[in-house]
Amino acid sequence: MEFEFIEESEIEATRRGRKSTVPQELVEALRSMPKGKAIRVKDLALDPKSEDYKNDKASTSAILRSAGKQAGVEIAISWSSLGVPQVSTKAPKAKAKK
């Protein structure tokens, strides 16, 4: 096995993964969503009969969670039988008393 010692300042690195593209209008909608309401995101609808439905659903859910994070709210995602994601906000968790 071949290796060499280098200075820490010489380390070359690339960022992992790729950035998700989160629609800013979705972030704003989540931020301003009235209490007791949910958002049906028709633009992110998927075909439940597709072979890639499971993977596409995971990718779409990641986009929605990222939008929730940027909006500063924790979300819950429910999928309709037609493949349309529906997003609601979760109540903040109560802090445990010590």
N, C-alpha and C. Protein backbone atom coordinates (compact mmCIF):
# COMPACT_ATOMS: atom_id res chain seq x y z
N MET A 1 0.85 -1.16 0.00
CA MET A 1 0.00 0.00 0.00
C MET A 1 0.90 1.23 0.00
N GLU A 2 0.61 2.14 -0.90
CA GLU A 2 1.42 3.35 -1.03
C GLU A 2 0.71 4.53 -0.38
N PHE A 3 1.43 5.30 0.43
CA PHE A 3 0.88 6.50 1.04
C PHE A 3 2.00 7.46 1.35
N GLU A 4 1.64 8.70 1.61
CA GLU A 4 2.62 9.71 1.99
C GLU A 4 2.01 10.63 3.04
N PHE A 5 2.83 11.17 3.90
CA PHE A 5 2.39 12.13 4.90
C PHE A 5 2.41 13.52 4.28
N ILE A 6 1.33 14.28 4.52
CA ILE A 6 1.25 15.65 4.02
C ILE A 6 0.84 16.57 5.16
N GLU A 7 1.02 17.84 4.97
CA GLU A 7 0.56 18.83 5.95
C GLU A 7 -0.95 18.95 5.87
N GLU A 8 -1.59 19.23 7.00
CA GLU A 8 -3.05 19.38 6.99
C GLU A 8 -3.50 20.49 6.05
N SER A 9 -2.68 21.51 5.90
CA SER A 9 -3.03 22.63 5.03
C SER A 9 -3.02 22.23 3.55
N GLU A 10 -2.48 21.08 3.22
CA GLU A 10 -2.40 20.61 1.84
C GLU A 10 -3.56 19.69 1.46
N ILE A 11 -4.47 19.44 2.37
CA ILE A 11 -5.60 18.53 2.10
C ILE A 11 -6.49 19.14 1.02
N GLU A 12 -6.81 18.34 0.03
CA GLU A 12 -7.73 18.73 -1.03
C GLU A 12 -9.02 17.94 -0.83
N ALA A 13 -10.15 18.64 -0.80
CA ALA A 13 -11.42 17.94 -0.57
C ALA A 13 -12.52 18.53 -1.44
N THR A 14 -13.50 17.69 -1.75
CA THR A 14 -14.67 18.15 -2.47
C THR A 14 -15.88 17.93 -1.58
N ARG A 15 -16.92 18.71 -1.81
CA ARG A 15 -18.15 18.56 -1.02
C ARG A 15 -18.85 17.27 -1.43
N ARG A 16 -19.50 16.66 -0.46
CA ARG A 16 -20.24 15.42 -0.72
C ARG A 16 -21.62 15.74 -1.28
N GLY A 17 -22.13 14.86 -2.08
CA GLY A 17 -23.50 14.95 -2.55
C GLY A 17 -23.77 16.16 -3.41
N ARG A 18 -25.05 16.44 -3.57
CA ARG A 18 -25.44 17.60 -4.35
C ARG A 18 -26.47 18.38 -3.57
N LYS A 19 -26.63 19.60 -3.92
CA LYS A 19 -27.59 20.46 -3.25
C LYS A 19 -28.98 20.17 -3.80
N SER A 20 -29.96 20.09 -2.92
CA SER A 20 -31.32 19.91 -3.39
C SER A 20 -31.86 21.25 -3.83
N THR A 21 -32.75 21.20 -4.78
CA THR A 21 -33.36 22.43 -5.26
C THR A 21 -34.72 22.56 -4.61
N VAL A 22 -34.81 23.47 -3.66
CA VAL A 22 -36.04 23.66 -2.92
C VAL A 22 -36.75 24.90 -3.46
N PRO A 23 -38.00 24.76 -3.93
CA PRO A 23 -38.73 25.93 -4.41
C PRO A 23 -38.95 26.94 -3.27
N GLN A 24 -38.51 28.17 -3.48
CA GLN A 24 -38.62 29.20 -2.45
C GLN A 24 -40.08 29.48 -2.11
N GLU A 25 -40.97 29.37 -3.09
CA GLU A 25 -42.39 29.62 -2.80
C GLU A 25 -42.96 28.56 -1.85
N LEU A 26 -42.42 27.35 -1.91
CA LEU A 26 -42.85 26.30 -0.97
C LEU A 26 -42.37 26.63 0.44
N VAL A 27 -41.13 27.13 0.55
CA VAL A 27 -40.59 27.53 1.85
C VAL A 27 -41.46 28.62 2.45
N GLU A 28 -41.81 29.62 1.64
CA GLU A 28 -42.65 30.73 2.12
C GLU A 28 -44.05 30.24 2.52
N ALA A 29 -44.60 29.30 1.74
CA ALA A 29 -45.92 28.77 2.06
C ALA A 29 -45.90 28.02 3.39
N LEU A 30 -44.85 27.24 3.63
CA LEU A 30 -44.74 26.51 4.89
C LEU A 30 -44.56 27.48 6.07
N ARG A 31 -43.80 28.52 5.84
CA ARG A 31 -43.54 29.50 6.89
C ARG A 31 -44.83 30.24 7.30
N SER A 32 -45.70 30.49 6.31
CA SER A 32 -46.90 31.29 6.59
C SER A 32 -48.18 30.45 6.69
N MET A 33 -48.04 29.13 6.73
CA MET A 33 -49.21 28.25 6.76
C MET A 33 -50.00 28.44 8.06
N PRO A 34 -51.31 28.69 7.95
CA PRO A 34 -52.14 28.85 9.15
C PRO A 34 -52.22 27.56 9.95
N LYS A 35 -52.37 27.70 11.25
CA LYS A 35 -52.48 26.55 12.15
C LYS A 35 -53.71 25.73 11.77
N GLY A 36 -53.57 24.42 11.76
CA GLY A 36 -54.69 23.53 11.43
C GLY A 36 -54.88 23.31 9.94
N LYS A 37 -54.02 23.88 9.11
CA LYS A 37 -54.11 23.71 7.66
C LYS A 37 -52.99 22.81 7.17
N ALA A 38 -53.09 22.33 5.95
CA ALA A 38 -52.06 21.52 5.30
C ALA A 38 -51.92 22.01 3.87
N ILE A 39 -50.84 21.62 3.23
CA ILE A 39 -50.60 22.01 1.84
C ILE A 39 -50.57 20.75 0.98
N ARG A 40 -51.36 20.74 -0.07
CA ARG A 40 -51.32 19.66 -1.07
C ARG A 40 -50.42 20.17 -2.19
N VAL A 41 -49.29 19.51 -2.41
CA VAL A 41 -48.28 19.99 -3.36
C VAL A 41 -48.46 19.24 -4.69
N LYS A 42 -49.35 19.75 -5.53
CA LYS A 42 -49.69 19.08 -6.79
C LYS A 42 -48.52 19.04 -7.77
N ASP A 43 -47.64 20.06 -7.70
CA ASP A 43 -46.50 20.09 -8.62
C ASP A 43 -45.50 18.97 -8.35
N LEU A 44 -45.52 18.39 -7.16
CA LEU A 44 -44.59 17.30 -6.83
C LEU A 44 -45.28 15.94 -6.84
N ALA A 45 -46.45 15.86 -7.49
CA ALA A 45 -47.18 14.60 -7.57
C ALA A 45 -46.38 13.56 -8.35
N LEU A 46 -46.51 12.31 -7.94
CA LEU A 46 -45.81 11.19 -8.58
C LEU A 46 -46.81 10.16 -9.06
N ASP A 47 -46.35 9.26 -9.92
CA ASP A 47 -47.19 8.18 -10.42
C ASP A 47 -46.97 6.95 -9.55
N PRO A 48 -47.98 6.56 -8.74
CA PRO A 48 -47.81 5.39 -7.86
C PRO A 48 -47.57 4.08 -8.61
N LYS A 49 -47.88 4.04 -9.89
CA LYS A 49 -47.70 2.81 -10.67
C LYS A 49 -46.31 2.73 -11.30
N SER A 50 -45.52 3.78 -11.13
CA SER A 50 -44.18 3.82 -11.70
C SER A 50 -43.27 2.82 -10.98
N GLU A 51 -42.31 2.28 -11.72
CA GLU A 51 -41.33 1.36 -11.12
C GLU A 51 -40.44 2.09 -10.11
N ASP A 52 -40.20 3.37 -10.34
CA ASP A 52 -39.32 4.15 -9.48
C ASP A 52 -40.08 4.92 -8.40
N TYR A 53 -41.34 4.59 -8.18
CA TYR A 53 -42.17 5.34 -7.24
C TYR A 53 -41.54 5.43 -5.86
N LYS A 54 -41.01 4.33 -5.36
CA LYS A 54 -40.43 4.31 -4.02
C LYS A 54 -39.24 5.27 -3.92
N ASN A 55 -38.35 5.23 -4.92
CA ASN A 55 -37.19 6.13 -4.92
C ASN A 55 -37.60 7.58 -5.14
N ASP A 56 -38.55 7.80 -6.05
CA ASP A 56 -39.02 9.16 -6.32
C ASP A 56 -39.70 9.75 -5.09
N LYS A 57 -40.42 8.91 -4.38
CA LYS A 57 -41.11 9.35 -3.17
C LYS A 57 -40.10 9.78 -2.11
N ALA A 58 -39.02 9.03 -1.98
CA ALA A 58 -37.97 9.37 -1.01
C ALA A 58 -37.29 10.69 -1.39
N SER A 59 -37.02 10.89 -2.67
CA SER A 59 -36.39 12.12 -3.13
C SER A 59 -37.30 13.33 -2.92
N THR A 60 -38.56 13.16 -3.24
CA THR A 60 -39.53 14.24 -3.06
C THR A 60 -39.71 14.56 -1.58
N SER A 61 -39.75 13.54 -0.75
CA SER A 61 -39.87 13.75 0.69
C SER A 61 -38.66 14.53 1.23
N ALA A 62 -37.48 14.24 0.70
CA ALA A 62 -36.28 14.96 1.12
C ALA A 62 -36.37 16.44 0.75
N ILE A 63 -36.90 16.73 -0.42
CA ILE A 63 -37.09 18.12 -0.84
C ILE A 63 -38.06 18.82 0.11
N LEU A 64 -39.15 18.14 0.45
CA LEU A 64 -40.16 18.73 1.34
C LEU A 64 -39.59 18.95 2.75
N ARG A 65 -38.82 17.98 3.26
CA ARG A 65 -38.20 18.15 4.59
C ARG A 65 -37.21 19.30 4.58
N SER A 66 -36.46 19.43 3.49
CA SER A 66 -35.51 20.53 3.37
C SER A 66 -36.23 21.87 3.34
N ALA A 67 -37.35 21.93 2.66
CA ALA A 67 -38.15 23.16 2.62
C ALA A 67 -38.66 23.50 4.01
N GLY A 68 -39.10 22.48 4.76
CA GLY A 68 -39.55 22.70 6.13
C GLY A 68 -38.43 23.21 7.02
N LYS A 69 -37.25 22.66 6.82
CA LYS A 69 -36.09 23.08 7.61
C LYS A 69 -35.75 24.54 7.31
N GLN A 70 -35.77 24.91 6.03
CA GLN A 70 -35.49 26.29 5.65
C GLN A 70 -36.57 27.24 6.17
N ALA A 71 -37.80 26.74 6.28
CA ALA A 71 -38.91 27.57 6.78
C ALA A 71 -38.90 27.63 8.30
N GLY A 72 -38.11 26.77 8.94
CA GLY A 72 -38.04 26.77 10.40
C GLY A 72 -39.17 26.03 11.07
N VAL A 73 -39.78 25.08 10.35
CA VAL A 73 -40.88 24.29 10.92
C VAL A 73 -40.60 22.80 10.68
N GLU A 74 -41.09 21.97 11.60
CA GLU A 74 -40.99 20.53 11.42
C GLU A 74 -42.26 20.08 10.73
N ILE A 75 -42.12 19.25 9.70
CA ILE A 75 -43.29 18.87 8.91
C ILE A 75 -43.59 17.38 9.00
N ALA A 76 -44.81 17.05 8.64
CA ALA A 76 -45.25 15.67 8.48
C ALA A 76 -45.75 15.54 7.04
N ILE A 77 -45.36 14.47 6.38
CA ILE A 77 -45.74 14.25 4.98
C ILE A 77 -46.67 13.05 4.90
N SER A 78 -47.80 13.24 4.26
CA SER A 78 -48.75 12.15 4.00
C SER A 78 -48.92 12.07 2.49
N TRP A 79 -48.92 10.85 1.97
CA TRP A 79 -49.07 10.66 0.53
C TRP A 79 -50.46 10.16 0.21
N SER A 80 -51.12 10.79 -0.75
CA SER A 80 -52.46 10.34 -1.16
C SER A 80 -52.31 9.08 -2.02
N SER A 81 -53.40 8.41 -2.25
CA SER A 81 -53.37 7.20 -3.08
C SER A 81 -53.05 7.54 -4.54
N LEU A 82 -53.19 8.82 -4.90
CA LEU A 82 -52.86 9.26 -6.26
C LEU A 82 -51.41 9.71 -6.40
N GLY A 83 -50.64 9.66 -5.29
CA GLY A 83 -49.23 10.03 -5.34
C GLY A 83 -48.96 11.50 -5.12
N VAL A 84 -49.91 12.20 -4.49
CA VAL A 84 -49.74 13.63 -4.22
C VAL A 84 -49.31 13.82 -2.76
N PRO A 85 -48.16 14.50 -2.54
CA PRO A 85 -47.74 14.73 -1.16
C PRO A 85 -48.57 15.83 -0.50
N GLN A 86 -48.90 15.61 0.76
CA GLN A 86 -49.66 16.58 1.55
C GLN A 86 -48.84 16.86 2.81
N VAL A 87 -48.59 18.13 3.06
CA VAL A 87 -47.66 18.52 4.11
C VAL A 87 -48.39 19.30 5.20
N SER A 88 -48.16 18.90 6.44
CA SER A 88 -48.68 19.64 7.59
C SER A 88 -47.52 19.88 8.53
N THR A 89 -47.70 20.83 9.42
CA THR A 89 -46.63 21.11 10.39
C THR A 89 -46.90 20.35 11.67
N LYS A 90 -45.81 19.93 12.29
CA LYS A 90 -45.91 19.25 13.58
C LYS A 90 -45.82 20.29 14.68
N ALA A 91 -46.48 20.02 15.78
CA ALA A 91 -46.37 20.90 16.93
C ALA A 91 -44.97 20.77 17.52
N PRO A 92 -44.39 21.88 17.97
CA PRO A 92 -43.06 21.79 18.59
C PRO A 92 -43.10 20.87 19.80
N LYS A 93 -42.03 20.11 19.97
CA LYS A 93 -41.97 19.18 21.11
C LYS A 93 -41.77 19.96 22.40
N ALA A 94 -42.47 19.53 23.43
CA ALA A 94 -42.33 20.17 24.74
C ALA A 94 -40.98 19.81 25.33
N LYS A 95 -40.32 20.77 25.93
CA LYS A 95 -39.02 20.51 26.54
C LYS A 95 -39.23 19.78 27.86
N ALA A 96 -38.43 18.75 28.06
CA ALA A 96 -38.54 17.96 29.28
C ALA A 96 -38.00 18.75 30.46
N LYS A 97 -38.73 18.68 31.57
CA LYS A 97 -38.29 19.36 32.78
C LYS A 97 -37.38 18.43 33.56
N LYS A 98 -36.35 19.01 34.14
CA LYS A 98 -35.40 18.20 34.89
C LYS A 98 -35.62 18.32 36.37
